[in-house]
């Protein structure tokens, strides 16, 4: 099991980068203290936020960016309370209000209750970070898998994220014309060929990254800015169950944390609907004329879709 997980991570770390600079830690261009990345006056909702995980680090980064409210949602109340207590201690004296709310995004009633609570408290969520996920254990043979294990991943990674997105976009408290920002924490596993056998996680994450890309087609960036990204090889709570800390040289948690803030800012608007890696240097990407040209001309570039076929428009078939 440990060798299998190590192989997966090594493959992820060795895939080609679209920039010559490959970041393993945060850097000035995505620093949450940059005035252009300020989240002042915004309420930010993050799913999944245990101490030592990506969601917790994302919360820290949005606090550094001056968000007015940061709400962390998760299934385990005790874990959430610990995270909130630590955040309040670290940012004591800051203007940010931290709120924990127990909830399971795989449960429709729980999601509805969450948004009812937010409405009752007059909390308008400007930024939604979809971070919670089910990462099922690796298996030797997909067809020997219990269907319930497969569907558990899809219930959270697709269904739960979908309903959270629907509720987010259709908030009763949303002012007319107010832009929203959605950040989807995805994984490099959605484009590994051949993919290591982690079928429930990789396939469900690919499905939602494809789905949210279609949502971006239907909603211009002025309405809902949507960015999906691979956070890196991180020694999170989940990874610690399968891999020893000294097995690899891990990426720093501040990288995906700060990247989420950048992705929720106007500076990332030109990547609306696309899937990127936190490792890729954002300034280098924007300065690359060929990269920018491909974004404009290739609808499937950095998107989840069947590649190798010429795009066919509906009009051409009629």
C-alpha atoms as a PDB file:
ATOM      1  CA  UNK A   1       0.000   0.000   0.000  1.00  0.00           C
ATOM      2  CA  UNK A   2       2.711   2.492   0.969  1.00  0.00           C
ATOM      3  CA  UNK A   3       4.757   1.755  -2.162  1.00  0.00           C
ATOM      4  CA  UNK A   4       1.625   2.158  -4.296  1.00  0.00           C
ATOM      5  CA  UNK A   5       0.857   5.541  -2.740  1.00  0.00           C
ATOM      6  CA  UNK A   6       4.490   6.598  -3.100  1.00  0.00           C
ATOM      7  CA  UNK A   7       4.416   5.673  -6.792  1.00  0.00           C
ATOM      8  CA  UNK A   8       1.270   7.765  -7.272  1.00  0.00           C
ATOM      9  CA  UNK A   9       2.818  10.829  -5.663  1.00  0.00           C
ATOM     10  CA  UNK A  10       6.124  10.472  -7.507  1.00  0.00           C
ATOM     11  CA  UNK A  11       4.262  10.326 -10.812  1.00  0.00           C
ATOM     12  CA  UNK A  12       2.334  13.436  -9.840  1.00  0.00           C
ATOM     13  CA  UNK A  13       5.510  15.283  -8.945  1.00  0.00           C
ATOM     14  CA  UNK A  14       7.322  14.284 -12.144  1.00  0.00           C
ATOM     15  CA  UNK A  15       4.682  15.394 -14.652  1.00  0.00           C
ATOM     16  CA  UNK A  16       5.703  18.213 -16.979  1.00  0.00           C
ATOM     17  CA  UNK A  17       5.153  21.794 -15.891  1.00  0.00           C
ATOM     18  CA  UNK A  18       3.764  24.461 -18.193  1.00  0.00           C
ATOM     19  CA  UNK A  19       6.261  26.937 -16.740  1.00  0.00           C
ATOM     20  CA  UNK A  20      10.029  26.737 -16.349  1.00  0.00           C
ATOM     21  CA  UNK A  21       9.560  27.799 -12.729  1.00  0.00           C
ATOM     22  CA  UNK A  22       8.041  25.051 -10.576  1.00  0.00           C
ATOM     23  CA  UNK A  23       7.040  26.268  -7.130  1.00  0.00           C
ATOM     24  CA  UNK A  24       7.070  24.015  -4.076  1.00  0.00           C
ATOM     25  CA  UNK A  25       6.184  26.822  -1.664  1.00  0.00           C
ATOM     26  CA  UNK A  26       4.333  30.132  -1.781  1.00  0.00           C
ATOM     27  CA  UNK A  27       5.878  33.104  -3.573  1.00  0.00           C
ATOM     28  CA  UNK A  28       5.308  36.882  -3.845  1.00  0.00           C
ATOM     29  CA  UNK A  29       2.911  36.851  -6.823  1.00  0.00           C
ATOM     30  CA  UNK A  30       0.316  34.851  -4.871  1.00  0.00           C
ATOM     31  CA  UNK A  31       0.988  36.336  -1.436  1.00  0.00           C
ATOM     32  CA  UNK A  32      -2.330  37.004   0.353  1.00  0.00           C
ATOM     33  CA  UNK A  33      -0.858  40.223   1.749  1.00  0.00           C
ATOM     34  CA  UNK A  34      -0.710  41.768  -1.742  1.00  0.00           C
ATOM     35  CA  UNK A  35      -3.205  44.656  -1.918  1.00  0.00           C
ATOM     36  CA  UNK A  36      -4.500  43.385  -5.276  1.00  0.00           C
ATOM     37  CA  UNK A  37      -5.467  40.065  -3.659  1.00  0.00           C
ATOM     38  CA  UNK A  38      -7.297  41.595  -0.709  1.00  0.00           C
ATOM     39  CA  UNK A  39     -10.412  39.737   0.428  1.00  0.00           C
ATOM     40  CA  UNK A  40     -11.579  42.555   2.696  1.00  0.00           C
ATOM     41  CA  UNK A  41     -15.347  42.674   3.127  1.00  0.00           C
ATOM     42  CA  UNK A  42     -15.818  39.142   1.810  1.00  0.00           C
ATOM     43  CA  UNK A  43     -17.288  36.115   3.556  1.00  0.00           C
ATOM     44  CA  UNK A  44     -15.463  32.926   2.549  1.00  0.00           C
ATOM     45  CA  UNK A  45     -16.917  29.426   2.925  1.00  0.00           C
ATOM     46  CA  UNK A  46     -14.483  26.474   2.916  1.00  0.00           C
ATOM     47  CA  UNK A  47     -15.539  22.835   2.982  1.00  0.00           C
ATOM     48  CA  UNK A  48     -13.177  20.672   5.027  1.00  0.00           C
ATOM     49  CA  UNK A  49     -10.837  22.418   7.429  1.00  0.00           C
ATOM     50  CA  UNK A  50      -9.048  20.045   9.785  1.00  0.00           C
ATOM     51  CA  UNK A  51      -5.774  21.223  11.315  1.00  0.00           C
ATOM     52  CA  UNK A  52      -2.942  19.946   9.162  1.00  0.00           C
ATOM     53  CA  UNK A  53      -5.101  19.796   6.025  1.00  0.00           C
ATOM     54  CA  UNK A  54      -5.401  21.914   2.910  1.00  0.00           C
ATOM     55  CA  UNK A  55      -8.683  23.512   3.988  1.00  0.00           C
ATOM     56  CA  UNK A  56      -7.174  24.795   7.214  1.00  0.00           C
ATOM     57  CA  UNK A  57      -4.243  26.324   5.336  1.00  0.00           C
ATOM     58  CA  UNK A  58      -6.643  27.928   2.859  1.00  0.00           C
ATOM     59  CA  UNK A  59      -8.505  29.468   5.809  1.00  0.00           C
ATOM     60  CA  UNK A  60      -5.221  30.882   7.152  1.00  0.00           C
ATOM     61  CA  UNK A  61      -4.427  32.411   3.766  1.00  0.00           C
ATOM     62  CA  UNK A  62      -7.823  34.088   3.440  1.00  0.00           C
ATOM     63  CA  UNK A  63      -7.413  35.461   6.959  1.00  0.00           C
ATOM     64  CA  UNK A  64      -4.070  36.954   5.914  1.00  0.00           C
ATOM     65  CA  UNK A  65      -5.895  38.510   2.954  1.00  0.00           C
ATOM     66  CA  UNK A  66      -8.301  40.217   5.366  1.00  0.00           C
ATOM     67  CA  UNK A  67     -11.543  38.305   4.714  1.00  0.00           C
ATOM     68  CA  UNK A  68     -14.328  39.588   6.956  1.00  0.00           C
ATOM     69  CA  UNK A  69     -15.741  36.120   7.722  1.00  0.00           C
ATOM     70  CA  UNK A  70     -14.294  32.642   7.229  1.00  0.00           C
ATOM     71  CA  UNK A  71     -16.644  29.710   7.641  1.00  0.00           C
ATOM     72  CA  UNK A  72     -15.301  26.160   7.822  1.00  0.00           C
ATOM     73  CA  UNK A  73     -17.653  23.248   7.189  1.00  0.00           C
ATOM     74  CA  UNK A  74     -16.902  19.629   8.099  1.00  0.00           C
ATOM     75  CA  UNK A  75     -18.392  16.412   9.445  1.00  0.00           C
ATOM     76  CA  UNK A  76     -16.465  16.254  12.755  1.00  0.00           C
ATOM     77  CA  UNK A  77     -17.461  18.928  15.264  1.00  0.00           C
ATOM     78  CA  UNK A  78     -14.469  18.412  17.562  1.00  0.00           C
ATOM     79  CA  UNK A  79     -12.014  18.775  14.685  1.00  0.00           C
ATOM     80  CA  UNK A  80     -13.743  21.943  13.489  1.00  0.00           C
ATOM     81  CA  UNK A  81     -13.729  23.450  16.978  1.00  0.00           C
ATOM     82  CA  UNK A  82      -9.989  22.803  17.298  1.00  0.00           C
ATOM     83  CA  UNK A  83      -9.358  24.448  13.930  1.00  0.00           C
ATOM     84  CA  UNK A  84     -11.434  27.520  14.772  1.00  0.00           C
ATOM     85  CA  UNK A  85      -9.753  27.895  18.151  1.00  0.00           C
ATOM     86  CA  UNK A  86      -6.326  27.783  16.553  1.00  0.00           C
ATOM     87  CA  UNK A  87      -7.301  30.301  13.880  1.00  0.00           C
ATOM     88  CA  UNK A  88      -8.737  32.705  16.442  1.00  0.00           C
ATOM     89  CA  UNK A  89      -5.574  32.444  18.490  1.00  0.00           C
ATOM     90  CA  UNK A  90      -3.292  33.050  15.495  1.00  0.00           C
ATOM     91  CA  UNK A  91      -5.307  35.993  14.183  1.00  0.00           C
ATOM     92  CA  UNK A  92      -6.215  37.511  17.528  1.00  0.00           C
ATOM     93  CA  UNK A  93      -6.965  41.200  17.072  1.00  0.00           C
ATOM     94  CA  UNK A  94      -7.658  40.857  13.347  1.00  0.00           C
ATOM     95  CA  UNK A  95     -10.987  41.873  11.845  1.00  0.00           C
ATOM     96  CA  UNK A  96     -11.736  38.368  10.569  1.00  0.00           C
ATOM     97  CA  UNK A  97     -14.570  36.421  12.203  1.00  0.00           C
ATOM     98  CA  UNK A  98     -14.161  32.634  12.230  1.00  0.00           C
ATOM     99  CA  UNK A  99     -17.215  30.370  12.226  1.00  0.00           C
ATOM    100  CA  UNK A 100     -17.385  26.565  12.387  1.00  0.00           C
ATOM    101  CA  UNK A 101     -20.438  24.675  11.193  1.00  0.00           C
ATOM    102  CA  UNK A 102     -20.888  20.912  11.338  1.00  0.00           C
ATOM    103  CA  UNK A 103     -22.243  19.467   8.112  1.00  0.00           C
ATOM    104  CA  UNK A 104     -21.921  16.704   5.542  1.00  0.00           C
ATOM    105  CA  UNK A 105     -22.005  17.854   1.920  1.00  0.00           C
ATOM    106  CA  UNK A 106     -23.042  14.346   0.815  1.00  0.00           C
ATOM    107  CA  UNK A 107     -26.309  14.814   2.716  1.00  0.00           C
ATOM    108  CA  UNK A 108     -28.786  17.095   0.933  1.00  0.00           C
ATOM    109  CA  UNK A 109     -30.628  17.906   4.170  1.00  0.00           C
ATOM    110  CA  UNK A 110     -27.347  18.935   5.795  1.00  0.00           C
ATOM    111  CA  UNK A 111     -26.439  21.202   2.867  1.00  0.00           C
ATOM    112  CA  UNK A 112     -29.901  22.790   2.890  1.00  0.00           C
ATOM    113  CA  UNK A 113     -29.637  23.356   6.642  1.00  0.00           C
ATOM    114  CA  UNK A 114     -26.253  25.028   6.209  1.00  0.00           C
ATOM    115  CA  UNK A 115     -27.509  27.553   3.672  1.00  0.00           C
ATOM    116  CA  UNK A 116     -30.682  28.165   5.673  1.00  0.00           C
ATOM    117  CA  UNK A 117     -28.447  29.017   8.629  1.00  0.00           C
ATOM    118  CA  UNK A 118     -26.345  31.401   6.543  1.00  0.00           C
ATOM    119  CA  UNK A 119     -29.455  33.166   5.253  1.00  0.00           C
ATOM    120  CA  UNK A 120     -30.902  33.422   8.758  1.00  0.00           C
ATOM    121  CA  UNK A 121     -27.678  35.036   9.956  1.00  0.00           C
ATOM    122  CA  UNK A 122     -27.675  37.443   6.995  1.00  0.00           C
ATOM    123  CA  UNK A 123     -24.355  36.015   5.777  1.00  0.00           C
ATOM    124  CA  UNK A 124     -23.776  36.471   2.057  1.00  0.00           C
ATOM    125  CA  UNK A 125     -20.960  34.172   0.884  1.00  0.00           C
ATOM    126  CA  UNK A 126     -18.799  35.832  -1.744  1.00  0.00           C
ATOM    127  CA  UNK A 127     -16.187  33.058  -2.082  1.00  0.00           C
ATOM    128  CA  UNK A 128     -16.783  29.296  -2.015  1.00  0.00           C
ATOM    129  CA  UNK A 129     -13.810  26.925  -1.769  1.00  0.00           C
ATOM    130  CA  UNK A 130     -14.748  23.313  -2.528  1.00  0.00           C
ATOM    131  CA  UNK A 131     -12.086  21.380  -0.667  1.00  0.00           C
ATOM    132  CA  UNK A 132     -13.832  18.485   1.106  1.00  0.00           C
ATOM    133  CA  UNK A 133     -13.376  15.140  -0.651  1.00  0.00           C
ATOM    134  CA  UNK A 134     -13.533  11.390  -0.211  1.00  0.00           C
ATOM    135  CA  UNK A 135     -10.224   9.730  -1.094  1.00  0.00           C
ATOM    136  CA  UNK A 136     -10.925   6.003  -1.127  1.00  0.00           C
ATOM    137  CA  UNK A 137      -8.174   3.429  -0.488  1.00  0.00           C
ATOM    138  CA  UNK A 138      -6.323   2.089  -3.522  1.00  0.00           C
ATOM    139  CA  UNK A 139      -7.497  -1.275  -4.805  1.00  0.00           C
ATOM    140  CA  UNK A 140      -5.878  -4.000  -6.897  1.00  0.00           C
ATOM    141  CA  UNK A 141      -8.815  -4.365  -9.281  1.00  0.00           C
ATOM    142  CA  UNK A 142     -11.556  -1.857 -10.004  1.00  0.00           C
ATOM    143  CA  UNK A 143     -14.096  -4.564 -10.820  1.00  0.00           C
ATOM    144  CA  UNK A 144     -13.587  -6.147  -7.398  1.00  0.00           C
ATOM    145  CA  UNK A 145     -14.625  -2.913  -5.742  1.00  0.00           C
ATOM    146  CA  UNK A 146     -17.809  -2.624  -3.714  1.00  0.00           C
ATOM    147  CA  UNK A 147     -20.238  -0.355  -5.558  1.00  0.00           C
ATOM    148  CA  UNK A 148     -20.940   1.465  -2.296  1.00  0.00           C
ATOM    149  CA  UNK A 149     -17.300   2.581  -2.074  1.00  0.00           C
ATOM    150  CA  UNK A 150     -17.471   3.942  -5.592  1.00  0.00           C
ATOM    151  CA  UNK A 151     -20.720   5.795  -5.008  1.00  0.00           C
ATOM    152  CA  UNK A 152     -19.550   7.190  -1.671  1.00  0.00           C
ATOM    153  CA  UNK A 153     -16.861   9.100  -3.544  1.00  0.00           C
ATOM    154  CA  UNK A 154     -19.335  10.356  -6.153  1.00  0.00           C
ATOM    155  CA  UNK A 155     -21.853  11.384  -3.469  1.00  0.00           C
ATOM    156  CA  UNK A 156     -19.295  13.778  -1.971  1.00  0.00           C
ATOM    157  CA  UNK A 157     -16.917  14.691  -4.797  1.00  0.00           C
ATOM    158  CA  UNK A 158     -19.655  15.239  -7.390  1.00  0.00           C
ATOM    159  CA  UNK A 159     -23.095  15.380  -5.783  1.00  0.00           C
ATOM    160  CA  UNK A 160     -22.089  17.287  -2.667  1.00  0.00           C
ATOM    161  CA  UNK A 161     -19.980  19.803  -4.568  1.00  0.00           C
ATOM    162  CA  UNK A 162     -22.744  20.242  -7.140  1.00  0.00           C
ATOM    163  CA  UNK A 163     -25.406  21.065  -4.533  1.00  0.00           C
ATOM    164  CA  UNK A 164     -23.035  23.427  -2.708  1.00  0.00           C
ATOM    165  CA  UNK A 165     -22.446  25.218  -6.005  1.00  0.00           C
ATOM    166  CA  UNK A 166     -26.173  25.487  -6.740  1.00  0.00           C
ATOM    167  CA  UNK A 167     -26.863  26.956  -3.296  1.00  0.00           C
ATOM    168  CA  UNK A 168     -23.904  29.322  -3.592  1.00  0.00           C
ATOM    169  CA  UNK A 169     -24.874  30.764  -6.959  1.00  0.00           C
ATOM    170  CA  UNK A 170     -28.560  31.111  -6.030  1.00  0.00           C
ATOM    171  CA  UNK A 171     -28.174  32.788  -2.640  1.00  0.00           C
ATOM    172  CA  UNK A 172     -31.237  34.910  -1.788  1.00  0.00           C
ATOM    173  CA  UNK A 173     -28.906  37.484  -0.228  1.00  0.00           C
ATOM    174  CA  UNK A 174     -26.832  37.930  -3.374  1.00  0.00           C
ATOM    175  CA  UNK A 175     -27.032  41.522  -4.620  1.00  0.00           C
ATOM    176  CA  UNK A 176     -28.032  41.923  -8.256  1.00  0.00           C
ATOM    177  CA  UNK A 177     -24.981  41.866 -10.490  1.00  0.00           C
ATOM    178  CA  UNK A 178     -22.625  40.782  -7.699  1.00  0.00           C
ATOM    179  CA  UNK A 179     -19.785  38.595  -8.949  1.00  0.00           C
ATOM    180  CA  UNK A 180     -19.016  35.382  -7.050  1.00  0.00           C
ATOM    181  CA  UNK A 181     -15.759  33.423  -6.827  1.00  0.00           C
ATOM    182  CA  UNK A 182     -15.646  29.634  -6.778  1.00  0.00           C
ATOM    183  CA  UNK A 183     -12.392  27.737  -6.216  1.00  0.00           C
ATOM    184  CA  UNK A 184     -12.390  23.986  -6.797  1.00  0.00           C
ATOM    185  CA  UNK A 185      -9.535  22.033  -5.163  1.00  0.00           C
ATOM    186  CA  UNK A 186      -9.037  19.226  -7.667  1.00  0.00           C
ATOM    187  CA  UNK A 187      -6.134  16.799  -8.239  1.00  0.00           C
ATOM    188  CA  UNK A 188      -3.514  15.959 -10.842  1.00  0.00           C
ATOM    189  CA  UNK A 189      -4.966  12.441 -10.744  1.00  0.00           C
ATOM    190  CA  UNK A 190      -7.680  13.510 -13.190  1.00  0.00           C
ATOM    191  CA  UNK A 191      -5.226  13.555 -16.096  1.00  0.00           C
ATOM    192  CA  UNK A 192      -2.770  10.779 -15.322  1.00  0.00           C
ATOM    193  CA  UNK A 193      -2.357   8.312 -18.202  1.00  0.00           C
ATOM    194  CA  UNK A 194      -2.184   5.527 -17.261  1.00  0.00           C
ATOM    195  CA  UNK A 195      -3.840   6.435 -13.982  1.00  0.00           C
ATOM    196  CA  UNK A 196      -2.757   4.594 -10.838  1.00  0.00           C
ATOM    197  CA  UNK A 197      -5.637   2.566  -9.469  1.00  0.00           C
ATOM    198  CA  UNK A 198      -7.502   4.989  -7.248  1.00  0.00           C
ATOM    199  CA  UNK A 199     -10.697   4.730  -9.232  1.00  0.00           C
ATOM    200  CA  UNK A 200     -13.305   6.304  -6.884  1.00  0.00           C
ATOM    201  CA  UNK A 201     -11.236   9.397  -6.093  1.00  0.00           C
ATOM    202  CA  UNK A 202      -9.725  10.097  -9.508  1.00  0.00           C
ATOM    203  CA  UNK A 203     -12.857   9.394 -11.524  1.00  0.00           C
ATOM    204  CA  UNK A 204     -15.178  11.390  -9.252  1.00  0.00           C
ATOM    205  CA  UNK A 205     -12.768  14.341  -9.086  1.00  0.00           C
ATOM    206  CA  UNK A 206     -12.470  14.249 -12.885  1.00  0.00           C
ATOM    207  CA  UNK A 207     -16.247  14.174 -13.200  1.00  0.00           C
ATOM    208  CA  UNK A 208     -16.755  17.246 -11.049  1.00  0.00           C
ATOM    209  CA  UNK A 209     -13.880  19.182 -12.634  1.00  0.00           C
ATOM    210  CA  UNK A 210     -15.547  18.499 -15.995  1.00  0.00           C
ATOM    211  CA  UNK A 211     -18.948  19.509 -14.609  1.00  0.00           C
ATOM    212  CA  UNK A 212     -17.753  22.767 -13.090  1.00  0.00           C
ATOM    213  CA  UNK A 213     -16.035  23.547 -16.388  1.00  0.00           C
ATOM    214  CA  UNK A 214     -19.424  23.285 -18.112  1.00  0.00           C
ATOM    215  CA  UNK A 215     -20.910  25.573 -15.477  1.00  0.00           C
ATOM    216  CA  UNK A 216     -18.182  28.088 -16.341  1.00  0.00           C
ATOM    217  CA  UNK A 217     -19.294  27.910 -19.992  1.00  0.00           C
ATOM    218  CA  UNK A 218     -22.809  28.862 -18.924  1.00  0.00           C
ATOM    219  CA  UNK A 219     -21.796  31.599 -16.488  1.00  0.00           C
ATOM    220  CA  UNK A 220     -19.389  34.332 -17.631  1.00  0.00           C
ATOM    221  CA  UNK A 221     -16.572  35.333 -15.320  1.00  0.00           C
ATOM    222  CA  UNK A 222     -18.439  38.526 -14.433  1.00  0.00           C
ATOM    223  CA  UNK A 223     -21.131  36.323 -12.882  1.00  0.00           C
ATOM    224  CA  UNK A 224     -19.141  33.502 -11.255  1.00  0.00           C
ATOM    225  CA  UNK A 225     -15.376  33.240 -11.583  1.00  0.00           C
ATOM    226  CA  UNK A 226     -14.465  29.534 -11.487  1.00  0.00           C
ATOM    227  CA  UNK A 227     -10.942  28.118 -11.155  1.00  0.00           C
ATOM    228  CA  UNK A 228      -9.976  24.476 -10.542  1.00  0.00           C
ATOM    229  CA  UNK A 229      -6.475  23.594  -9.395  1.00  0.00           C
ATOM    230  CA  UNK A 230      -4.181  20.785  -8.293  1.00  0.00           C
ATOM    231  CA  UNK A 231      -2.877  21.710  -4.812  1.00  0.00           C
ATOM    232  CA  UNK A 232       0.354  19.670  -4.836  1.00  0.00           C
ATOM    233  CA  UNK A 233       1.906  16.723  -3.018  1.00  0.00           C
ATOM    234  CA  UNK A 234       1.058  17.569   0.582  1.00  0.00           C
ATOM    235  CA  UNK A 235       1.516  15.767   3.870  1.00  0.00           C
ATOM    236  CA  UNK A 236      -2.073  16.229   4.988  1.00  0.00           C
ATOM    237  CA  UNK A 237      -4.105  14.318   7.543  1.00  0.00           C
ATOM    238  CA  UNK A 238      -5.267  11.988   4.779  1.00  0.00           C
ATOM    239  CA  UNK A 239      -1.773  11.373   3.401  1.00  0.00           C
ATOM    240  CA  UNK A 240      -0.446  10.586   6.882  1.00  0.00           C
ATOM    241  CA  UNK A 241      -2.669   7.495   6.998  1.00  0.00           C
ATOM    242  CA  UNK A 242      -0.786   5.906   4.092  1.00  0.00           C
ATOM    243  CA  UNK A 243       2.674   7.495   3.815  1.00  0.00           C
ATOM    244  CA  UNK A 244       5.514   8.238   6.250  1.00  0.00           C
ATOM    245  CA  UNK A 245       6.519  11.890   6.429  1.00  0.00           C
ATOM    246  CA  UNK A 246      10.150  11.141   5.577  1.00  0.00           C
ATOM    247  CA  UNK A 247       9.248   9.133   2.475  1.00  0.00           C
ATOM    248  CA  UNK A 248       9.102  12.170   0.175  1.00  0.00           C
ATOM    249  CA  UNK A 249      10.022  15.809  -0.112  1.00  0.00           C
ATOM    250  CA  UNK A 250       6.591  17.352   0.296  1.00  0.00           C
ATOM    251  CA  UNK A 251       5.259  20.637  -1.042  1.00  0.00           C
ATOM    252  CA  UNK A 252       4.585  23.315   1.561  1.00  0.00           C
ATOM    253  CA  UNK A 253       0.981  23.767   2.657  1.00  0.00           C
ATOM    254  CA  UNK A 254       1.220  27.528   2.135  1.00  0.00           C
ATOM    255  CA  UNK A 255       1.375  26.967  -1.642  1.00  0.00           C
ATOM    256  CA  UNK A 256      -2.212  25.738  -2.156  1.00  0.00           C
ATOM    257  CA  UNK A 257      -3.429  28.010   0.649  1.00  0.00           C
ATOM    258  CA  UNK A 258      -2.159  31.188  -0.949  1.00  0.00           C
ATOM    259  CA  UNK A 259      -3.003  29.955  -4.438  1.00  0.00           C
ATOM    260  CA  UNK A 260      -6.672  29.706  -3.451  1.00  0.00           C
ATOM    261  CA  UNK A 261      -6.654  33.402  -2.531  1.00  0.00           C
ATOM    262  CA  UNK A 262      -5.051  34.281  -5.859  1.00  0.00           C
ATOM    263  CA  UNK A 263      -7.611  32.125  -7.696  1.00  0.00           C
ATOM    264  CA  UNK A 264     -10.429  34.040  -5.992  1.00  0.00           C
ATOM    265  CA  UNK A 265      -9.056  37.406  -7.125  1.00  0.00           C
ATOM    266  CA  UNK A 266      -9.450  39.459 -10.329  1.00  0.00           C
ATOM    267  CA  UNK A 267      -5.860  38.512 -11.214  1.00  0.00           C
ATOM    268  CA  UNK A 268      -7.021  34.979 -12.043  1.00  0.00           C
ATOM    269  CA  UNK A 269     -10.052  35.971 -14.134  1.00  0.00           C
ATOM    270  CA  UNK A 270      -8.337  35.042 -17.405  1.00  0.00           C
ATOM    271  CA  UNK A 271      -8.230  31.368 -16.286  1.00  0.00           C
ATOM    272  CA  UNK A 272     -11.998  31.170 -15.798  1.00  0.00           C
ATOM    273  CA  UNK A 273     -13.204  27.584 -16.221  1.00  0.00           C
ATOM    274  CA  UNK A 274      -9.746  26.041 -16.516  1.00  0.00           C
ATOM    275  CA  UNK A 275      -7.752  23.490 -14.490  1.00  0.00           C
ATOM    276  CA  UNK A 276      -4.230  24.499 -13.447  1.00  0.00           C
ATOM    277  CA  UNK A 277      -1.501  23.456 -11.009  1.00  0.00           C
ATOM    278  CA  UNK A 278      -0.538  25.526  -7.980  1.00  0.00           C
ATOM    279  CA  UNK A 279       3.090  24.799  -8.901  1.00  0.00           C
ATOM    280  CA  UNK A 280       2.975  26.780 -12.141  1.00  0.00           C
ATOM    281  CA  UNK A 281       4.256  30.342 -11.903  1.00  0.00           C
ATOM    282  CA  UNK A 282       1.268  32.614 -12.533  1.00  0.00           C
ATOM    283  CA  UNK A 283       3.314  35.541 -13.861  1.00  0.00           C
ATOM    284  CA  UNK A 284       5.191  33.304 -16.270  1.00  0.00           C
ATOM    285  CA  UNK A 285       1.937  31.821 -17.552  1.00  0.00           C
ATOM    286  CA  UNK A 286       0.401  35.223 -18.190  1.00  0.00           C
ATOM    287  CA  UNK A 287       3.530  36.433 -19.983  1.00  0.00           C
ATOM    288  CA  UNK A 288       3.596  33.368 -22.248  1.00  0.00           C
ATOM    289  CA  UNK A 289       1.958  34.558 -25.489  1.00  0.00           C
ATOM    290  CA  UNK A 290       1.546  31.008 -26.800  1.00  0.00           C
ATOM    291  CA  UNK A 291      -0.192  29.945 -23.582  1.00  0.00           C
ATOM    292  CA  UNK A 292      -2.569  32.907 -23.701  1.00  0.00           C
ATOM    293  CA  UNK A 293      -3.268  32.225 -27.383  1.00  0.00           C
ATOM    294  CA  UNK A 294      -4.168  28.608 -26.660  1.00  0.00           C
ATOM    295  CA  UNK A 295      -6.557  29.707 -23.907  1.00  0.00           C
ATOM    296  CA  UNK A 296      -8.353  31.956 -26.365  1.00  0.00           C
ATOM    297  CA  UNK A 297      -8.397  29.591 -29.339  1.00  0.00           C
ATOM    298  CA  UNK A 298      -8.661  26.104 -27.806  1.00  0.00           C
ATOM    299  CA  UNK A 299     -11.858  25.618 -25.879  1.00  0.00           C
ATOM    300  CA  UNK A 300     -10.651  22.257 -24.543  1.00  0.00           C
ATOM    301  CA  UNK A 301      -7.233  23.489 -23.377  1.00  0.00           C
ATOM    302  CA  UNK A 302      -6.786  22.723 -19.645  1.00  0.00           C
ATOM    303  CA  UNK A 303     -10.273  21.264 -19.550  1.00  0.00           C
ATOM    304  CA  UNK A 304     -11.543  17.748 -18.797  1.00  0.00           C
ATOM    305  CA  UNK A 305     -12.749  16.327 -22.116  1.00  0.00           C
ATOM    306  CA  UNK A 306     -11.926  13.777 -24.797  1.00  0.00           C
ATOM    307  CA  UNK A 307      -8.795  15.015 -26.540  1.00  0.00           C
ATOM    308  CA  UNK A 308      -7.673  14.191 -30.070  1.00  0.00           C
ATOM    309  CA  UNK A 309     -10.971  14.946 -31.804  1.00  0.00           C
ATOM    310  CA  UNK A 310     -11.810  18.143 -33.627  1.00  0.00           C
ATOM    311  CA  UNK A 311     -14.515  20.067 -31.825  1.00  0.00           C
ATOM    312  CA  UNK A 312     -17.898  19.771 -33.519  1.00  0.00           C
ATOM    313  CA  UNK A 313     -20.526  22.472 -33.040  1.00  0.00           C
ATOM    314  CA  UNK A 314     -24.208  21.630 -32.749  1.00  0.00           C
ATOM    315  CA  UNK A 315     -24.952  23.952 -35.677  1.00  0.00           C
ATOM    316  CA  UNK A 316     -22.731  21.898 -37.988  1.00  0.00           C
ATOM    317  CA  UNK A 317     -24.873  18.834 -37.369  1.00  0.00           C
ATOM    318  CA  UNK A 318     -28.176  20.500 -38.238  1.00  0.00           C
END
